[in-house]
Amino acid sequence: MDMNVVQVLPAAAGAPSDPEIVRRVRAGETALFELLMRRHNQRVYRVARAVLREEGDVEEVMQQAYVNAYTHLHQFEERAQFSTWLTRITVNEALAQRRASRRHTPMTDRRGEQADSEESMETLRTPDADPERQAYSRELSDLLEEAVDNLPDTYRVVFMLRDVEGMSTRETSEGLGLGEEAVKTRLHRARALIRRRITERVGVAAAESFQFHASRCDRVVAGVMARI
């Protein structure tokens, strides 16, 4: 096991539950918010990464999502799962970041992005289109990440949450504000766009993909704790 990778595990026996931690943070035990972050950093990273696709802004979005969650912690209702509530906050923050980036992107660049996206989808459909890329993608998890990155935005987010993060249809539906049938349809189409040789092995590779390393976990936690 790679000791530099954050392992996302259920709360240990005797450890406080998410709602209990939320109640204690509300009551003034601010430092406990770090436990929530470390417990959910893997998912928050994957959600932000799915929306933004580029690594550059992911940590900034993660930090802002946590700050938003902390600021509005009084709005969390315990009948919902904290992880689902946090997912919605992260999706909204990542979408806002993406919209802001696009407003500052010249129209000529946007047309180029569209062409690049179409070319990337063609690469997914065409075997041996890029020998260098194929050589780079010998590791299955790397190949999977590349394939997921080239999915259309609406499919990529659903695929990431359902097949990579392992969320249920219902939880994904609630997290993204979509109907369950829409989630199922988008997941089906996302899988269809990814090569058979990837989808046949995705169950093995998905859990090892888009890892959020311990050093980045520490950096995000430190950034948020300094702001709250």
C-alpha atoms as a PDB file:
ATOM      1  CA  MET A   1       0.000   0.000   0.000  1.00  0.00           C
ATOM      2  CA  ASP A   2       1.302   3.469  -0.899  1.00  0.00           C
ATOM      3  CA  MET A   3       1.711   5.273   2.410  1.00  0.00           C
ATOM      4  CA  ASN A   4       1.595   8.646   0.616  1.00  0.00           C
ATOM      5  CA  VAL A   5      -1.971   8.121  -0.528  1.00  0.00           C
ATOM      6  CA  VAL A   6      -4.901   9.217   1.589  1.00  0.00           C
ATOM      7  CA  GLN A   7      -6.928   6.151   2.506  1.00  0.00           C
ATOM      8  CA  VAL A   8     -10.624   6.893   2.785  1.00  0.00           C
ATOM      9  CA  LEU A   9     -12.039   4.691   5.504  1.00  0.00           C
ATOM     10  CA  PRO A  10     -15.317   4.637   7.418  1.00  0.00           C
ATOM     11  CA  ALA A  11     -15.244   6.232  10.830  1.00  0.00           C
ATOM     12  CA  ALA A  12     -13.577   3.835  13.247  1.00  0.00           C
ATOM     13  CA  ALA A  13     -15.610   2.233  15.992  1.00  0.00           C
ATOM     14  CA  GLY A  14     -16.114   4.785  18.717  1.00  0.00           C
ATOM     15  CA  ALA A  15     -15.187   7.713  16.471  1.00  0.00           C
ATOM     16  CA  PRO A  16     -17.727  10.534  16.358  1.00  0.00           C
ATOM     17  CA  SER A  17     -20.155  10.497  13.438  1.00  0.00           C
ATOM     18  CA  ASP A  18     -20.346  13.344  10.946  1.00  0.00           C
ATOM     19  CA  PRO A  19     -23.521  14.813  12.515  1.00  0.00           C
ATOM     20  CA  GLU A  20     -21.933  14.659  15.978  1.00  0.00           C
ATOM     21  CA  ILE A  21     -18.827  16.460  14.717  1.00  0.00           C
ATOM     22  CA  VAL A  22     -21.003  19.086  13.044  1.00  0.00           C
ATOM     23  CA  ARG A  23     -22.859  19.690  16.307  1.00  0.00           C
ATOM     24  CA  ARG A  24     -19.607  20.055  18.217  1.00  0.00           C
ATOM     25  CA  VAL A  25     -18.101  22.426  15.630  1.00  0.00           C
ATOM     26  CA  ARG A  26     -21.257  24.528  15.818  1.00  0.00           C
ATOM     27  CA  ALA A  27     -20.832  24.587  19.593  1.00  0.00           C
ATOM     28  CA  GLY A  28     -17.357  26.046  19.268  1.00  0.00           C
ATOM     29  CA  GLU A  29     -14.969  23.105  18.793  1.00  0.00           C
ATOM     30  CA  THR A  30     -13.663  24.540  15.529  1.00  0.00           C
ATOM     31  CA  ALA A  31     -10.592  22.322  15.427  1.00  0.00           C
ATOM     32  CA  LEU A  32     -12.812  19.268  14.871  1.00  0.00           C
ATOM     33  CA  PHE A  33     -13.626  20.563  11.397  1.00  0.00           C
ATOM     34  CA  GLU A  34     -10.238  19.169  10.389  1.00  0.00           C
ATOM     35  CA  LEU A  35     -11.563  15.665  11.072  1.00  0.00           C
ATOM     36  CA  LEU A  36     -14.428  16.236   8.648  1.00  0.00           C
ATOM     37  CA  MET A  37     -12.016  17.457   5.983  1.00  0.00           C
ATOM     38  CA  ARG A  38      -9.672  14.511   6.326  1.00  0.00           C
ATOM     39  CA  ARG A  39     -12.624  12.130   6.308  1.00  0.00           C
ATOM     40  CA  HIS A  40     -14.053  13.565   3.071  1.00  0.00           C
ATOM     41  CA  ASN A  41     -11.038  14.977   1.184  1.00  0.00           C
ATOM     42  CA  GLN A  42     -10.908  12.091  -1.294  1.00  0.00           C
ATOM     43  CA  ARG A  43     -14.509  12.598  -2.388  1.00  0.00           C
ATOM     44  CA  VAL A  44     -14.288  16.393  -2.464  1.00  0.00           C
ATOM     45  CA  TYR A  45     -11.177  16.132  -4.621  1.00  0.00           C
ATOM     46  CA  ARG A  46     -12.815  13.723  -7.044  1.00  0.00           C
ATOM     47  CA  VAL A  47     -15.951  15.865  -7.310  1.00  0.00           C
ATOM     48  CA  ALA A  48     -13.974  19.056  -7.998  1.00  0.00           C
ATOM     49  CA  ARG A  49     -11.656  17.214 -10.374  1.00  0.00           C
ATOM     50  CA  ALA A  50     -14.608  15.790 -12.307  1.00  0.00           C
ATOM     51  CA  VAL A  51     -16.123  19.227 -12.900  1.00  0.00           C
ATOM     52  CA  LEU A  52     -12.932  21.157 -13.603  1.00  0.00           C
ATOM     53  CA  ARG A  53     -10.934  18.431 -15.360  1.00  0.00           C
ATOM     54  CA  GLU A  54      -7.764  20.504 -14.943  1.00  0.00           C
ATOM     55  CA  GLU A  55      -5.709  20.147 -11.765  1.00  0.00           C
ATOM     56  CA  GLY A  56      -4.751  23.821 -11.561  1.00  0.00           C
ATOM     57  CA  ASP A  57      -7.825  25.120  -9.751  1.00  0.00           C
ATOM     58  CA  VAL A  58      -8.875  21.983  -7.886  1.00  0.00           C
ATOM     59  CA  GLU A  59      -7.235  22.698  -4.534  1.00  0.00           C
ATOM     60  CA  GLU A  60      -8.498  26.288  -4.551  1.00  0.00           C
ATOM     61  CA  VAL A  61     -12.025  25.025  -5.200  1.00  0.00           C
ATOM     62  CA  MET A  62     -11.681  22.413  -2.482  1.00  0.00           C
ATOM     63  CA  GLN A  63     -10.619  25.003   0.058  1.00  0.00           C
ATOM     64  CA  GLN A  64     -13.425  27.365  -0.905  1.00  0.00           C
ATOM     65  CA  ALA A  65     -15.973  24.545  -0.780  1.00  0.00           C
ATOM     66  CA  TYR A  66     -14.892  23.704   2.757  1.00  0.00           C
ATOM     67  CA  VAL A  67     -14.996  27.362   3.776  1.00  0.00           C
ATOM     68  CA  ASN A  68     -18.495  27.595   2.320  1.00  0.00           C
ATOM     69  CA  ALA A  69     -19.533  24.467   4.211  1.00  0.00           C
ATOM     70  CA  TYR A  70     -18.084  25.798   7.455  1.00  0.00           C
ATOM     71  CA  THR A  71     -19.749  29.185   6.990  1.00  0.00           C
ATOM     72  CA  HIS A  72     -23.137  27.574   6.342  1.00  0.00           C
ATOM     73  CA  LEU A  73     -22.793  24.710   8.785  1.00  0.00           C
ATOM     74  CA  HIS A  74     -25.923  25.922  10.572  1.00  0.00           C
ATOM     75  CA  GLN A  75     -27.881  25.065   7.408  1.00  0.00           C
ATOM     76  CA  PHE A  76     -26.908  21.400   7.476  1.00  0.00           C
ATOM     77  CA  GLU A  77     -29.919  19.263   8.357  1.00  0.00           C
ATOM     78  CA  GLU A  78     -29.077  15.973   9.969  1.00  0.00           C
ATOM     79  CA  ARG A  79     -31.727  14.046   8.063  1.00  0.00           C
ATOM     80  CA  ALA A  80     -29.378  14.342   5.064  1.00  0.00           C
ATOM     81  CA  GLN A  81     -25.908  12.798   4.839  1.00  0.00           C
ATOM     82  CA  PHE A  82     -23.129  15.301   5.431  1.00  0.00           C
ATOM     83  CA  SER A  83     -21.171  13.815   2.516  1.00  0.00           C
ATOM     84  CA  THR A  84     -24.084  14.477   0.131  1.00  0.00           C
ATOM     85  CA  TRP A  85     -24.510  18.022   1.420  1.00  0.00           C
ATOM     86  CA  LEU A  86     -20.781  18.621   1.002  1.00  0.00           C
ATOM     87  CA  THR A  87     -20.883  17.162  -2.506  1.00  0.00           C
ATOM     88  CA  ARG A  88     -23.516  19.692  -3.570  1.00  0.00           C
ATOM     89  CA  ILE A  89     -21.443  22.558  -2.170  1.00  0.00           C
ATOM     90  CA  THR A  90     -18.348  21.320  -4.002  1.00  0.00           C
ATOM     91  CA  VAL A  91     -20.198  20.885  -7.301  1.00  0.00           C
ATOM     92  CA  ASN A  92     -21.611  24.410  -7.058  1.00  0.00           C
ATOM     93  CA  GLU A  93     -18.214  25.924  -6.258  1.00  0.00           C
ATOM     94  CA  ALA A  94     -16.492  24.011  -9.057  1.00  0.00           C
ATOM     95  CA  LEU A  95     -19.159  25.039 -11.567  1.00  0.00           C
ATOM     96  CA  ALA A  96     -18.803  28.661 -10.487  1.00  0.00           C
ATOM     97  CA  GLN A  97     -15.038  28.433 -10.977  1.00  0.00           C
ATOM     98  CA  ARG A  98     -15.490  26.906 -14.416  1.00  0.00           C
ATOM     99  CA  ARG A  99     -17.952  29.617 -15.478  1.00  0.00           C
ATOM    100  CA  ALA A 100     -15.562  32.307 -14.259  1.00  0.00           C
ATOM    101  CA  SER A 101     -12.697  30.758 -16.219  1.00  0.00           C
ATOM    102  CA  ARG A 102     -14.753  30.592 -19.384  1.00  0.00           C
ATOM    103  CA  ARG A 103     -15.773  34.245 -19.091  1.00  0.00           C
ATOM    104  CA  HIS A 104     -12.085  35.123 -19.277  1.00  0.00           C
ATOM    105  CA  THR A 105     -11.343  32.778 -22.178  1.00  0.00           C
ATOM    106  CA  PRO A 106     -11.280  34.472 -25.628  1.00  0.00           C
ATOM    107  CA  MET A 107     -13.859  33.135 -28.073  1.00  0.00           C
ATOM    108  CA  THR A 108     -11.121  31.899 -30.396  1.00  0.00           C
ATOM    109  CA  ASP A 109      -9.730  29.820 -27.553  1.00  0.00           C
ATOM    110  CA  ARG A 110     -13.181  28.409 -26.825  1.00  0.00           C
ATOM    111  CA  ARG A 111     -13.509  27.238 -30.400  1.00  0.00           C
ATOM    112  CA  GLY A 112     -10.117  25.635 -30.028  1.00  0.00           C
ATOM    113  CA  GLU A 113     -11.244  23.924 -26.824  1.00  0.00           C
ATOM    114  CA  GLN A 114     -14.283  22.551 -28.634  1.00  0.00           C
ATOM    115  CA  ALA A 115     -12.104  21.238 -31.450  1.00  0.00           C
ATOM    116  CA  ASP A 116      -9.709  19.705 -28.944  1.00  0.00           C
ATOM    117  CA  SER A 117     -12.627  18.042 -27.169  1.00  0.00           C
ATOM    118  CA  GLU A 118     -13.943  16.595 -30.423  1.00  0.00           C
ATOM    119  CA  GLU A 119     -10.460  15.390 -31.322  1.00  0.00           C
ATOM    120  CA  SER A 120     -10.103  13.792 -27.908  1.00  0.00           C
ATOM    121  CA  MET A 121     -13.389  11.932 -28.291  1.00  0.00           C
ATOM    122  CA  GLU A 122     -12.202  10.688 -31.675  1.00  0.00           C
ATOM    123  CA  THR A 123      -9.026   9.464 -30.013  1.00  0.00           C
ATOM    124  CA  LEU A 124     -11.149   7.403 -27.657  1.00  0.00           C
ATOM    125  CA  ARG A 125     -12.875   5.799 -30.625  1.00  0.00           C
ATOM    126  CA  THR A 126      -9.739   5.184 -32.669  1.00  0.00           C
ATOM    127  CA  PRO A 127      -7.252   2.496 -31.543  1.00  0.00           C
ATOM    128  CA  ASP A 128      -3.558   3.260 -31.909  1.00  0.00           C
ATOM    129  CA  ALA A 129      -4.279   6.911 -32.760  1.00  0.00           C
ATOM    130  CA  ASP A 130      -1.381   8.203 -30.664  1.00  0.00           C
ATOM    131  CA  PRO A 131       1.534   5.814 -29.950  1.00  0.00           C
ATOM    132  CA  GLU A 132       3.035   8.172 -27.388  1.00  0.00           C
ATOM    133  CA  ARG A 133      -0.230   8.412 -25.518  1.00  0.00           C
ATOM    134  CA  GLN A 134      -0.671   4.652 -25.662  1.00  0.00           C
ATOM    135  CA  ALA A 135       2.815   4.170 -24.252  1.00  0.00           C
ATOM    136  CA  TYR A 136       2.064   6.655 -21.482  1.00  0.00           C
ATOM    137  CA  SER A 137      -1.185   4.874 -20.695  1.00  0.00           C
ATOM    138  CA  ARG A 138       0.182   1.419 -20.053  1.00  0.00           C
ATOM    139  CA  GLU A 139      -0.849   1.707 -16.459  1.00  0.00           C
ATOM    140  CA  LEU A 140      -4.570   1.079 -16.450  1.00  0.00           C
ATOM    141  CA  SER A 141      -5.418   3.738 -13.908  1.00  0.00           C
ATOM    142  CA  ASP A 142      -3.635   6.382 -16.011  1.00  0.00           C
ATOM    143  CA  LEU A 143      -5.541   5.253 -19.082  1.00  0.00           C
ATOM    144  CA  LEU A 144      -8.806   5.392 -17.201  1.00  0.00           C
ATOM    145  CA  GLU A 145      -8.139   8.927 -15.974  1.00  0.00           C
ATOM    146  CA  GLU A 146      -7.371  10.047 -19.503  1.00  0.00           C
ATOM    147  CA  ALA A 147     -10.553   8.455 -20.842  1.00  0.00           C
ATOM    148  CA  VAL A 148     -12.691  10.006 -18.125  1.00  0.00           C
ATOM    149  CA  ASP A 149     -11.160  13.437 -18.706  1.00  0.00           C
ATOM    150  CA  ASN A 150     -12.287  13.284 -22.325  1.00  0.00           C
ATOM    151  CA  LEU A 151     -15.909  12.580 -21.545  1.00  0.00           C
ATOM    152  CA  PRO A 152     -18.387  15.428 -22.032  1.00  0.00           C
ATOM    153  CA  ASP A 153     -18.819  17.399 -18.814  1.00  0.00           C
ATOM    154  CA  THR A 154     -22.285  16.109 -17.949  1.00  0.00           C
ATOM    155  CA  TYR A 155     -21.238  12.481 -18.362  1.00  0.00           C
ATOM    156  CA  ARG A 156     -17.857  12.851 -16.692  1.00  0.00           C
ATOM    157  CA  VAL A 157     -19.223  14.095 -13.379  1.00  0.00           C
ATOM    158  CA  VAL A 158     -21.772  11.289 -13.135  1.00  0.00           C
ATOM    159  CA  PHE A 159     -19.192   8.648 -14.089  1.00  0.00           C
ATOM    160  CA  MET A 160     -16.726   9.986 -11.545  1.00  0.00           C
ATOM    161  CA  LEU A 161     -19.228   9.927  -8.701  1.00  0.00           C
ATOM    162  CA  ARG A 162     -20.835   6.601  -9.566  1.00  0.00           C
ATOM    163  CA  ASP A 163     -18.016   4.414 -10.880  1.00  0.00           C
ATOM    164  CA  VAL A 164     -14.901   6.039  -9.432  1.00  0.00           C
ATOM    165  CA  GLU A 165     -16.168   7.315  -6.082  1.00  0.00           C
ATOM    166  CA  GLY A 166     -18.714   4.507  -5.724  1.00  0.00           C
ATOM    167  CA  MET A 167     -21.695   6.641  -4.782  1.00  0.00           C
ATOM    168  CA  SER A 168     -25.173   5.183  -5.199  1.00  0.00           C
ATOM    169  CA  THR A 169     -27.576   6.414  -7.865  1.00  0.00           C
ATOM    170  CA  ARG A 170     -29.660   8.088  -5.179  1.00  0.00           C
ATOM    171  CA  GLU A 171     -26.705   9.815  -3.555  1.00  0.00           C
ATOM    172  CA  THR A 172     -25.396  10.995  -6.932  1.00  0.00           C
ATOM    173  CA  SER A 173     -28.851  12.245  -7.803  1.00  0.00           C
ATOM    174  CA  GLU A 174     -29.064  14.242  -4.591  1.00  0.00           C
ATOM    175  CA  GLY A 175     -25.506  15.499  -4.861  1.00  0.00           C
ATOM    176  CA  LEU A 176     -25.924  16.798  -8.411  1.00  0.00           C
ATOM    177  CA  GLY A 177     -29.560  17.851  -8.185  1.00  0.00           C
ATOM    178  CA  LEU A 178     -30.578  15.451 -10.960  1.00  0.00           C
ATOM    179  CA  GLY A 179     -33.326  12.895 -11.241  1.00  0.00           C
ATOM    180  CA  GLU A 180     -32.268   9.294 -10.721  1.00  0.00           C
ATOM    181  CA  GLU A 181     -33.229   8.388 -14.300  1.00  0.00           C
ATOM    182  CA  ALA A 182     -31.017  11.186 -15.610  1.00  0.00           C
ATOM    183  CA  VAL A 183     -28.135   9.818 -13.548  1.00  0.00           C
ATOM    184  CA  LYS A 184     -28.684   6.319 -14.944  1.00  0.00           C
ATOM    185  CA  THR A 185     -28.881   7.594 -18.541  1.00  0.00           C
ATOM    186  CA  ARG A 186     -25.736   9.694 -18.284  1.00  0.00           C
ATOM    187  CA  LEU A 187     -23.828   6.881 -16.636  1.00  0.00           C
ATOM    188  CA  HIS A 188     -24.839   4.486 -19.395  1.00  0.00           C
ATOM    189  CA  ARG A 189     -23.696   6.923 -22.077  1.00  0.00           C
ATOM    190  CA  ALA A 190     -20.453   7.664 -20.251  1.00  0.00           C
ATOM    191  CA  ARG A 191     -19.609   3.992 -20.075  1.00  0.00           C
ATOM    192  CA  ALA A 192     -20.427   3.584 -23.758  1.00  0.00           C
ATOM    193  CA  LEU A 193     -17.897   6.293 -24.660  1.00  0.00           C
ATOM    194  CA  ILE A 194     -15.070   4.620 -22.783  1.00  0.00           C
ATOM    195  CA  ARG A 195     -13.259   1.814 -24.527  1.00  0.00           C
ATOM    196  CA  ARG A 196     -14.317  -1.737 -23.846  1.00  0.00           C
ATOM    197  CA  ARG A 197     -10.812  -2.613 -22.761  1.00  0.00           C
ATOM    198  CA  ILE A 198     -11.099   0.024 -20.019  1.00  0.00           C
ATOM    199  CA  THR A 199     -14.648  -0.633 -18.892  1.00  0.00           C
ATOM    200  CA  GLU A 200     -13.992  -4.370 -18.593  1.00  0.00           C
ATOM    201  CA  ARG A 201     -11.341  -3.643 -15.952  1.00  0.00           C
ATOM    202  CA  VAL A 202     -12.707  -0.451 -14.408  1.00  0.00           C
ATOM    203  CA  GLY A 203     -13.821  -2.235 -11.254  1.00  0.00           C
ATOM    204  CA  VAL A 204     -10.173  -2.995 -10.454  1.00  0.00           C
ATOM    205  CA  ALA A 205      -8.715   0.334 -11.570  1.00  0.00           C
ATOM    206  CA  ALA A 206     -11.344   2.787 -10.370  1.00  0.00           C
ATOM    207  CA  ALA A 207     -10.481   2.537  -6.684  1.00  0.00           C
ATOM    208  CA  GLU A 208      -6.840   3.407  -7.473  1.00  0.00           C
ATOM    209  CA  SER A 209      -7.642   6.332  -9.781  1.00  0.00           C
ATOM    210  CA  PHE A 210      -7.662  10.065  -8.965  1.00  0.00           C
ATOM    211  CA  GLN A 211      -5.912   9.552  -5.638  1.00  0.00           C
ATOM    212  CA  PHE A 212      -5.600  12.523  -3.311  1.00  0.00           C
ATOM    213  CA  HIS A 213      -2.135  12.309  -1.785  1.00  0.00           C
ATOM    214  CA  ALA A 214      -1.387  12.977   1.854  1.00  0.00           C
ATOM    215  CA  SER A 215       0.753  16.059   1.185  1.00  0.00           C
ATOM    216  CA  ARG A 216      -2.127  17.684  -0.708  1.00  0.00           C
ATOM    217  CA  CYS A 217      -4.520  16.669   2.056  1.00  0.00           C
ATOM    218  CA  ASP A 218      -2.312  18.469   4.573  1.00  0.00           C
ATOM    219  CA  ARG A 219      -2.098  21.551   2.339  1.00  0.00           C
ATOM    220  CA  VAL A 220      -5.883  21.812   1.903  1.00  0.00           C
ATOM    221  CA  VAL A 221      -6.547  21.260   5.606  1.00  0.00           C
ATOM    222  CA  ALA A 222      -3.943  23.885   6.596  1.00  0.00           C
ATOM    223  CA  GLY A 223      -5.358  26.379   4.109  1.00  0.00           C
ATOM    224  CA  VAL A 224      -8.908  25.985   5.380  1.00  0.00           C
ATOM    225  CA  MET A 225      -7.991  25.997   9.085  1.00  0.00           C
ATOM    226  CA  ALA A 226      -6.054  29.229   8.547  1.00  0.00           C
ATOM    227  CA  ARG A 227      -9.172  30.825   7.043  1.00  0.00           C
ATOM    228  CA  ILE A 228     -11.700  29.775   9.657  1.00  0.00           C
END
